Amino acid sequence: MLCEVVQRGLAIPSELLAVLQQLPSADSALPRRALQDVIAGCRSSPECDVRDLVSTSMVLDEPAWNQPLPEPNGSDLRPDAQWKRARLALEVDSIEWHRYGDSVEATERRRARYAALGWTVLPVSPRRIREEPAAVLAEIEAAFLAGITRNA
């Protein structure tokens, strides 16, 4: 819910934090934890789930969340997560945003731009994040390590 509020531009994370700080800690532990994901840059529940998953890794560092790609001519690309030194972008592909109408083609064009800039895109579905977290984490780690090797 906190992600949705920020995503829709109804509030900014600092405003939400100010409200939570007025509540007793016992009553706001879960929202405070969720807000840390929002402050880090996560903008959906599946992204928050991936962040929790990534935090358990002994291989991965914290990625940049929903930040512009640090490339000339790539600033309009905002992957859900990115590891610059591995040139790895992770996109959470929900049906809502990626698989209906012209979204399929828009996703395809965006991924072609990533490739032209030398970035690997790893798509992952919210369902796999929930149902196969160990496999998803292993795939992210493998893509990260391959990117580090490739870009060394």
N, C-alpha and C. Protein backbone atom coordinates (compact mmCIF):
# COMPACT_ATOMS: atom_id res chain seq x y z
N MET A 1 0.82 -1.17 0.00
CA MET A 1 0.00 0.00 0.00
C MET A 1 0.88 1.26 0.00
N LEU A 2 1.97 1.24 0.76
CA LEU A 2 2.86 2.40 0.80
C LEU A 2 3.51 2.64 -0.56
N CYS A 3 3.87 1.57 -1.25
CA CYS A 3 4.44 1.70 -2.59
C CYS A 3 3.44 2.37 -3.52
N GLU A 4 2.21 1.96 -3.44
CA GLU A 4 1.16 2.50 -4.31
C GLU A 4 0.97 4.00 -4.08
N VAL A 5 1.00 4.41 -2.84
CA VAL A 5 0.83 5.83 -2.51
C VAL A 5 1.95 6.65 -3.16
N VAL A 6 3.18 6.16 -3.07
CA VAL A 6 4.31 6.87 -3.66
C VAL A 6 4.26 6.79 -5.18
N GLN A 7 3.96 5.61 -5.70
CA GLN A 7 3.89 5.41 -7.16
C GLN A 7 2.88 6.35 -7.81
N ARG A 8 1.78 6.59 -7.14
CA ARG A 8 0.73 7.46 -7.69
C ARG A 8 0.97 8.94 -7.40
N GLY A 9 2.06 9.24 -6.70
CA GLY A 9 2.40 10.63 -6.43
C GLY A 9 1.54 11.27 -5.35
N LEU A 10 0.91 10.46 -4.51
CA LEU A 10 0.04 11.00 -3.45
C LEU A 10 0.83 11.45 -2.23
N ALA A 11 2.05 10.92 -2.09
CA ALA A 11 2.93 11.30 -0.98
C ALA A 11 4.35 10.94 -1.36
N ILE A 12 5.29 11.54 -0.65
CA ILE A 12 6.69 11.17 -0.84
C ILE A 12 7.14 10.41 0.41
N PRO A 13 8.17 9.58 0.29
CA PRO A 13 8.58 8.76 1.43
C PRO A 13 8.83 9.55 2.72
N SER A 14 9.40 10.74 2.62
CA SER A 14 9.67 11.50 3.86
C SER A 14 8.37 11.89 4.57
N GLU A 15 7.31 12.15 3.81
CA GLU A 15 6.02 12.47 4.44
C GLU A 15 5.46 11.25 5.16
N LEU A 16 5.59 10.10 4.54
CA LEU A 16 5.10 8.87 5.17
C LEU A 16 5.90 8.56 6.44
N LEU A 17 7.21 8.78 6.36
CA LEU A 17 8.06 8.55 7.53
C LEU A 17 7.66 9.46 8.68
N ALA A 18 7.35 10.71 8.39
CA ALA A 18 6.93 11.66 9.43
C ALA A 18 5.66 11.18 10.12
N VAL A 19 4.72 10.64 9.36
CA VAL A 19 3.48 10.12 9.94
C VAL A 19 3.78 8.91 10.82
N LEU A 20 4.62 8.00 10.33
CA LEU A 20 4.93 6.79 11.10
C LEU A 20 5.68 7.12 12.38
N GLN A 21 6.49 8.16 12.36
CA GLN A 21 7.25 8.52 13.57
C GLN A 21 6.34 9.03 14.68
N GLN A 22 5.12 9.39 14.34
CA GLN A 22 4.18 9.87 15.35
C GLN A 22 3.44 8.71 16.03
N LEU A 23 3.56 7.52 15.46
CA LEU A 23 2.87 6.35 16.01
C LEU A 23 3.78 5.60 16.99
N PRO A 24 3.19 4.90 17.95
CA PRO A 24 4.00 4.05 18.83
C PRO A 24 4.73 2.99 18.01
N SER A 25 5.96 2.71 18.37
CA SER A 25 6.77 1.74 17.63
C SER A 25 6.10 0.39 17.50
N ALA A 26 5.45 -0.05 18.55
CA ALA A 26 4.81 -1.37 18.52
C ALA A 26 3.70 -1.43 17.46
N ASP A 27 3.04 -0.32 17.23
CA ASP A 27 1.95 -0.29 16.27
C ASP A 27 2.42 -0.07 14.83
N SER A 28 3.66 0.29 14.66
CA SER A 28 4.11 0.67 13.32
C SER A 28 5.32 -0.11 12.83
N ALA A 29 5.64 -1.22 13.45
CA ALA A 29 6.83 -1.98 13.07
C ALA A 29 6.77 -2.46 11.62
N LEU A 30 5.66 -3.05 11.23
CA LEU A 30 5.55 -3.55 9.85
C LEU A 30 5.55 -2.41 8.83
N PRO A 31 4.75 -1.35 9.03
CA PRO A 31 4.83 -0.24 8.07
C PRO A 31 6.22 0.41 8.01
N ARG A 32 6.92 0.48 9.13
CA ARG A 32 8.28 1.04 9.12
C ARG A 32 9.20 0.19 8.26
N ARG A 33 9.07 -1.11 8.39
CA ARG A 33 9.90 -2.02 7.58
C ARG A 33 9.57 -1.85 6.10
N ALA A 34 8.29 -1.78 5.78
CA ALA A 34 7.87 -1.60 4.39
C ALA A 34 8.35 -0.26 3.85
N LEU A 35 8.32 0.75 4.69
CA LEU A 35 8.75 2.08 4.26
C LEU A 35 10.25 2.11 3.94
N GLN A 36 11.03 1.28 4.61
CA GLN A 36 12.46 1.21 4.28
C GLN A 36 12.65 0.75 2.84
N ASP A 37 11.82 -0.17 2.37
CA ASP A 37 11.87 -0.60 0.96
C ASP A 37 11.49 0.56 0.04
N VAL A 38 10.48 1.32 0.43
CA VAL A 38 10.04 2.46 -0.38
C VAL A 38 11.13 3.52 -0.43
N ILE A 39 11.76 3.81 0.70
CA ILE A 39 12.84 4.79 0.76
C ILE A 39 14.02 4.33 -0.10
N ALA A 40 14.27 3.03 -0.14
CA ALA A 40 15.36 2.49 -0.97
C ALA A 40 15.04 2.64 -2.45
N GLY A 41 13.75 2.78 -2.80
CA GLY A 41 13.37 2.97 -4.19
C GLY A 41 12.42 1.94 -4.75
N CYS A 42 12.05 0.95 -3.97
CA CYS A 42 11.10 -0.05 -4.45
C CYS A 42 9.73 0.61 -4.65
N ARG A 43 9.06 0.21 -5.73
CA ARG A 43 7.79 0.85 -6.05
C ARG A 43 6.65 -0.13 -6.22
N SER A 44 6.85 -1.39 -5.81
CA SER A 44 5.77 -2.38 -5.85
C SER A 44 6.08 -3.46 -4.84
N SER A 45 5.05 -4.19 -4.46
CA SER A 45 5.24 -5.27 -3.51
C SER A 45 6.23 -6.33 -4.03
N PRO A 46 6.13 -6.74 -5.31
CA PRO A 46 7.12 -7.71 -5.80
C PRO A 46 8.55 -7.17 -5.77
N GLU A 47 8.73 -5.88 -6.02
CA GLU A 47 10.07 -5.30 -5.92
C GLU A 47 10.57 -5.37 -4.48
N CYS A 48 9.69 -5.11 -3.53
CA CYS A 48 10.06 -5.23 -2.12
C CYS A 48 10.44 -6.66 -1.79
N ASP A 49 9.71 -7.62 -2.34
CA ASP A 49 10.03 -9.03 -2.13
C ASP A 49 11.41 -9.37 -2.70
N VAL A 50 11.73 -8.82 -3.88
CA VAL A 50 13.06 -9.06 -4.48
C VAL A 50 14.13 -8.41 -3.60
N ARG A 51 13.85 -7.23 -3.09
CA ARG A 51 14.84 -6.57 -2.23
C ARG A 51 15.12 -7.44 -1.00
N ASP A 52 14.07 -7.98 -0.40
CA ASP A 52 14.27 -8.87 0.75
C ASP A 52 15.10 -10.08 0.35
N LEU A 53 14.83 -10.62 -0.83
CA LEU A 53 15.57 -11.77 -1.33
C LEU A 53 17.03 -11.42 -1.55
N VAL A 54 17.29 -10.31 -2.22
CA VAL A 54 18.66 -9.87 -2.50
C VAL A 54 19.44 -9.65 -1.20
N SER A 55 18.76 -9.18 -0.18
CA SER A 55 19.44 -8.91 1.09
C SER A 55 19.98 -10.18 1.74
N THR A 56 19.48 -11.34 1.34
CA THR A 56 19.97 -12.61 1.89
C THR A 56 21.19 -13.15 1.14
N SER A 57 21.54 -12.52 0.03
CA SER A 57 22.62 -13.02 -0.82
C SER A 57 24.00 -12.72 -0.24
N MET A 58 24.89 -13.67 -0.41
CA MET A 58 26.30 -13.46 -0.05
C MET A 58 27.08 -12.96 -1.27
N VAL A 59 26.41 -12.85 -2.42
CA VAL A 59 27.06 -12.48 -3.68
C VAL A 59 26.71 -11.06 -4.08
N LEU A 60 25.46 -10.70 -3.93
CA LEU A 60 24.94 -9.44 -4.44
C LEU A 60 25.08 -8.30 -3.44
N ASP A 61 25.40 -7.13 -3.97
CA ASP A 61 25.31 -5.94 -3.15
C ASP A 61 23.94 -5.30 -3.40
N GLU A 62 23.62 -4.26 -2.67
CA GLU A 62 22.34 -3.58 -2.84
C GLU A 62 22.32 -2.89 -4.20
N PRO A 63 21.34 -3.20 -5.03
CA PRO A 63 21.26 -2.52 -6.33
C PRO A 63 20.65 -1.13 -6.18
N ALA A 64 20.73 -0.37 -7.24
CA ALA A 64 19.98 0.89 -7.31
C ALA A 64 18.57 0.52 -7.74
N TRP A 65 17.58 1.04 -7.04
CA TRP A 65 16.18 0.71 -7.31
C TRP A 65 15.52 1.86 -8.04
N ASN A 66 14.94 1.55 -9.21
CA ASN A 66 14.15 2.51 -9.99
C ASN A 66 14.89 3.83 -10.22
N GLN A 67 16.16 3.70 -10.53
CA GLN A 67 16.99 4.86 -10.85
C GLN A 67 17.29 4.88 -12.34
N PRO A 68 17.51 6.07 -12.91
CA PRO A 68 17.86 6.12 -14.33
C PRO A 68 19.15 5.36 -14.61
N LEU A 69 19.21 4.73 -15.75
CA LEU A 69 20.41 4.01 -16.15
C LEU A 69 21.57 4.99 -16.27
N PRO A 70 22.73 4.68 -15.71
CA PRO A 70 23.85 5.61 -15.74
C PRO A 70 24.63 5.55 -17.06
N GLU A 71 23.94 5.76 -18.13
CA GLU A 71 24.54 5.67 -19.47
C GLU A 71 24.16 6.90 -20.27
N PRO A 72 25.06 7.38 -21.11
CA PRO A 72 24.63 8.42 -22.05
C PRO A 72 23.48 7.88 -22.89
N ASN A 73 22.49 8.66 -23.11
CA ASN A 73 21.31 8.26 -23.89
C ASN A 73 20.52 7.14 -23.22
N GLY A 74 20.74 6.90 -21.95
CA GLY A 74 20.00 5.84 -21.28
C GLY A 74 19.25 6.34 -20.07
N SER A 75 19.21 7.65 -19.88
CA SER A 75 18.64 8.19 -18.65
C SER A 75 17.12 8.01 -18.56
N ASP A 76 16.46 7.70 -19.68
CA ASP A 76 15.02 7.45 -19.60
C ASP A 76 14.71 5.98 -19.32
N LEU A 77 15.74 5.16 -19.22
CA LEU A 77 15.56 3.75 -18.85
C LEU A 77 15.70 3.65 -17.33
N ARG A 78 14.69 3.10 -16.68
CA ARG A 78 14.68 2.94 -15.23
C ARG A 78 14.33 1.50 -14.87
N PRO A 79 15.33 0.64 -14.83
CA PRO A 79 15.02 -0.74 -14.43
C PRO A 79 14.56 -0.78 -12.98
N ASP A 80 13.85 -1.82 -12.64
CA ASP A 80 13.40 -1.97 -11.26
C ASP A 80 14.60 -2.06 -10.32
N ALA A 81 15.65 -2.75 -10.75
CA ALA A 81 16.90 -2.82 -10.00
C ALA A 81 18.04 -2.88 -11.00
N GLN A 82 19.19 -2.34 -10.60
CA GLN A 82 20.36 -2.40 -11.49
C GLN A 82 21.64 -2.50 -10.69
N TRP A 83 22.56 -3.28 -11.24
CA TRP A 83 23.89 -3.41 -10.70
C TRP A 83 24.83 -2.88 -11.78
N LYS A 84 25.33 -1.68 -11.58
CA LYS A 84 26.11 -0.98 -12.61
C LYS A 84 27.37 -1.76 -12.99
N ARG A 85 28.12 -2.25 -12.01
CA ARG A 85 29.39 -2.89 -12.36
C ARG A 85 29.20 -4.20 -13.12
N ALA A 86 28.04 -4.81 -13.01
CA ALA A 86 27.74 -6.02 -13.77
C ALA A 86 26.94 -5.70 -15.03
N ARG A 87 26.53 -4.43 -15.17
CA ARG A 87 25.67 -4.01 -16.28
C ARG A 87 24.45 -4.93 -16.37
N LEU A 88 23.84 -5.15 -15.21
CA LEU A 88 22.69 -6.04 -15.08
C LEU A 88 21.49 -5.24 -14.62
N ALA A 89 20.40 -5.34 -15.37
CA ALA A 89 19.13 -4.71 -15.02
C ALA A 89 18.12 -5.81 -14.74
N LEU A 90 17.39 -5.66 -13.65
CA LEU A 90 16.34 -6.61 -13.31
C LEU A 90 15.00 -5.91 -13.49
N GLU A 91 14.08 -6.58 -14.16
CA GLU A 91 12.73 -6.04 -14.33
C GLU A 91 11.72 -7.06 -13.83
N VAL A 92 10.87 -6.60 -12.94
CA VAL A 92 9.78 -7.44 -12.45
C VAL A 92 8.65 -7.30 -13.46
N ASP A 93 8.37 -8.38 -14.17
CA ASP A 93 7.40 -8.37 -15.26
C ASP A 93 6.04 -8.84 -14.78
N SER A 94 5.24 -7.90 -14.32
CA SER A 94 3.88 -8.25 -13.93
C SER A 94 2.98 -8.20 -15.16
N ILE A 95 1.93 -8.98 -15.14
CA ILE A 95 0.96 -8.98 -16.23
C ILE A 95 0.37 -7.59 -16.39
N GLU A 96 0.11 -6.93 -15.26
CA GLU A 96 -0.53 -5.62 -15.28
C GLU A 96 0.25 -4.60 -16.11
N TRP A 97 1.59 -4.64 -16.05
CA TRP A 97 2.38 -3.61 -16.71
C TRP A 97 3.07 -4.06 -17.99
N HIS A 98 3.21 -5.35 -18.24
CA HIS A 98 4.07 -5.79 -19.33
C HIS A 98 3.42 -6.67 -20.40
N ARG A 99 2.22 -7.18 -20.17
CA ARG A 99 1.74 -8.20 -21.09
C ARG A 99 0.42 -7.90 -21.78
N TYR A 100 -0.10 -6.70 -21.68
CA TYR A 100 -1.37 -6.38 -22.31
C TYR A 100 -1.22 -5.20 -23.26
N GLY A 101 -2.09 -5.13 -24.25
CA GLY A 101 -2.10 -4.01 -25.18
C GLY A 101 -0.77 -3.87 -25.88
N ASP A 102 -0.27 -2.64 -25.97
CA ASP A 102 1.01 -2.42 -26.63
C ASP A 102 2.18 -2.54 -25.65
N SER A 103 1.90 -2.99 -24.42
CA SER A 103 2.96 -3.13 -23.42
C SER A 103 4.01 -4.16 -23.83
N VAL A 104 3.59 -5.21 -24.52
CA VAL A 104 4.54 -6.23 -24.96
C VAL A 104 5.58 -5.59 -25.88
N GLU A 105 5.12 -4.82 -26.85
CA GLU A 105 6.04 -4.18 -27.79
C GLU A 105 6.88 -3.11 -27.11
N ALA A 106 6.28 -2.36 -26.19
CA ALA A 106 7.03 -1.34 -25.46
C ALA A 106 8.14 -1.98 -24.63
N THR A 107 7.84 -3.11 -24.00
CA THR A 107 8.84 -3.84 -23.23
C THR A 107 9.95 -4.33 -24.16
N GLU A 108 9.56 -4.85 -25.30
CA GLU A 108 10.53 -5.34 -26.28
C GLU A 108 11.45 -4.21 -26.76
N ARG A 109 10.89 -3.05 -27.08
CA ARG A 109 11.71 -1.91 -27.53
C ARG A 109 12.65 -1.44 -26.42
N ARG A 110 12.16 -1.39 -25.20
CA ARG A 110 13.00 -0.97 -24.08
C ARG A 110 14.16 -1.94 -23.88
N ARG A 111 13.88 -3.21 -23.98
CA ARG A 111 14.95 -4.21 -23.79
C ARG A 111 15.97 -4.16 -24.92
N ALA A 112 15.52 -3.82 -26.12
CA ALA A 112 16.46 -3.64 -27.23
C ALA A 112 17.39 -2.46 -26.94
N ARG A 113 16.88 -1.43 -26.32
CA ARG A 113 17.73 -0.28 -25.95
C ARG A 113 18.74 -0.67 -24.90
N TYR A 114 18.32 -1.46 -23.91
CA TYR A 114 19.28 -1.95 -22.91
C TYR A 114 20.40 -2.71 -23.61
N ALA A 115 20.04 -3.61 -24.50
CA ALA A 115 21.04 -4.42 -25.21
C ALA A 115 21.99 -3.54 -26.01
N ALA A 116 21.45 -2.53 -26.67
CA ALA A 116 22.30 -1.63 -27.47
C ALA A 116 23.28 -0.86 -26.59
N LEU A 117 22.94 -0.66 -25.33
CA LEU A 117 23.83 0.02 -24.39
C LEU A 117 24.74 -0.95 -23.65
N GLY A 118 24.61 -2.25 -23.97
CA GLY A 118 25.48 -3.25 -23.36
C GLY A 118 25.03 -3.79 -22.02
N TRP A 119 23.74 -3.64 -21.73
CA TRP A 119 23.19 -4.14 -20.47
C TRP A 119 22.43 -5.44 -20.70
N THR A 120 22.51 -6.32 -19.72
CA THR A 120 21.71 -7.54 -19.72
C THR A 120 20.47 -7.27 -18.88
N VAL A 121 19.31 -7.68 -19.38
CA VAL A 121 18.07 -7.54 -18.63
C VAL A 121 17.63 -8.93 -18.18
N LEU A 122 17.39 -9.06 -16.90
CA LEU A 122 16.88 -10.30 -16.34
C LEU A 122 15.43 -10.05 -15.92
N PRO A 123 14.46 -10.61 -16.68
CA PRO A 123 13.06 -10.46 -16.28
C PRO A 123 12.68 -11.53 -15.26
N VAL A 124 11.83 -11.16 -14.33
CA VAL A 124 11.34 -12.12 -13.35
C VAL A 124 9.89 -11.76 -13.03
N SER A 125 9.07 -12.77 -12.89
CA SER A 125 7.65 -12.54 -12.61
C SER A 125 7.39 -12.51 -11.10
N PRO A 126 6.39 -11.75 -10.68
CA PRO A 126 6.03 -11.75 -9.26
C PRO A 126 5.72 -13.16 -8.74
N ARG A 127 5.09 -13.95 -9.58
CA ARG A 127 4.74 -15.32 -9.17
C ARG A 127 5.99 -16.14 -8.85
N ARG A 128 7.01 -16.04 -9.71
CA ARG A 128 8.25 -16.79 -9.45
C ARG A 128 8.95 -16.27 -8.20
N ILE A 129 8.89 -14.97 -7.97
CA ILE A 129 9.51 -14.41 -6.77
C ILE A 129 8.88 -15.04 -5.53
N ARG A 130 7.55 -15.19 -5.55
CA ARG A 130 6.84 -15.79 -4.42
C ARG A 130 7.04 -17.29 -4.32
N GLU A 131 6.95 -17.98 -5.47
CA GLU A 131 6.91 -19.44 -5.45
C GLU A 131 8.27 -20.12 -5.60
N GLU A 132 9.25 -19.43 -6.18
CA GLU A 132 10.57 -20.02 -6.41
C GLU A 132 11.68 -19.07 -5.99
N PRO A 133 11.63 -18.54 -4.77
CA PRO A 133 12.61 -17.52 -4.40
C PRO A 133 14.06 -17.99 -4.50
N ALA A 134 14.35 -19.21 -4.12
CA ALA A 134 15.74 -19.69 -4.19
C ALA A 134 16.23 -19.75 -5.63
N ALA A 135 15.39 -20.21 -6.54
CA ALA A 135 15.76 -20.27 -7.95
C ALA A 135 15.96 -18.87 -8.53
N VAL A 136 15.07 -17.96 -8.17
CA VAL A 136 15.19 -16.58 -8.66
C VAL A 136 16.48 -15.95 -8.15
N LEU A 137 16.78 -16.13 -6.88
CA LEU A 137 18.01 -15.58 -6.33
C LEU A 137 19.23 -16.18 -7.02
N ALA A 138 19.21 -17.48 -7.25
CA ALA A 138 20.35 -18.13 -7.94
C ALA A 138 20.52 -17.56 -9.35
N GLU A 139 19.43 -17.29 -10.03
CA GLU A 139 19.50 -16.71 -11.39
C GLU A 139 20.07 -15.30 -11.36
N ILE A 140 19.63 -14.49 -10.39
CA ILE A 140 20.15 -13.13 -10.28
C ILE A 140 21.64 -13.17 -9.97
N GLU A 141 22.03 -14.02 -9.03
CA GLU A 141 23.45 -14.13 -8.68
C GLU A 141 24.29 -14.59 -9.88
N ALA A 142 23.80 -15.57 -10.62
CA ALA A 142 24.54 -16.07 -11.78
C ALA A 142 24.68 -14.98 -12.85
N ALA A 143 23.61 -14.24 -13.10
CA ALA A 143 23.66 -13.16 -14.09
C ALA A 143 24.60 -12.05 -13.62
N PHE A 144 24.59 -11.75 -12.33
CA PHE A 144 25.49 -10.75 -11.76
C PHE A 144 26.94 -11.17 -11.95
N LEU A 145 27.27 -12.40 -11.57
CA LEU A 145 28.64 -12.88 -11.70
C LEU A 145 29.09 -12.93 -13.17
N ALA A 146 28.20 -13.35 -14.04
CA ALA A 146 28.53 -13.36 -15.49
C ALA A 146 28.78 -11.93 -15.98
N GLY A 147 28.00 -10.99 -15.51
CA GLY A 147 28.19 -9.60 -15.90
C GLY A 147 29.51 -9.04 -15.39
N ILE A 148 29.86 -9.37 -14.17
CA ILE A 148 31.15 -8.93 -13.60
C ILE A 148 32.29 -9.47 -14.45
N THR A 149 32.22 -10.75 -14.78
CA THR A 149 33.27 -11.39 -15.60
C THR A 149 33.32 -10.76 -16.99
N ARG A 150 32.19 -10.57 -17.60
CA ARG A 150 32.11 -10.03 -18.95
C ARG A 150 32.62 -8.60 -19.01
N ASN A 151 32.38 -7.83 -17.98
CA ASN A 151 32.73 -6.40 -18.00
C ASN A 151 34.05 -6.09 -17.31
N ALA A 152 34.79 -7.13 -16.92
CA ALA A 152 36.08 -6.91 -16.24
C ALA A 152 37.14 -6.42 -17.22
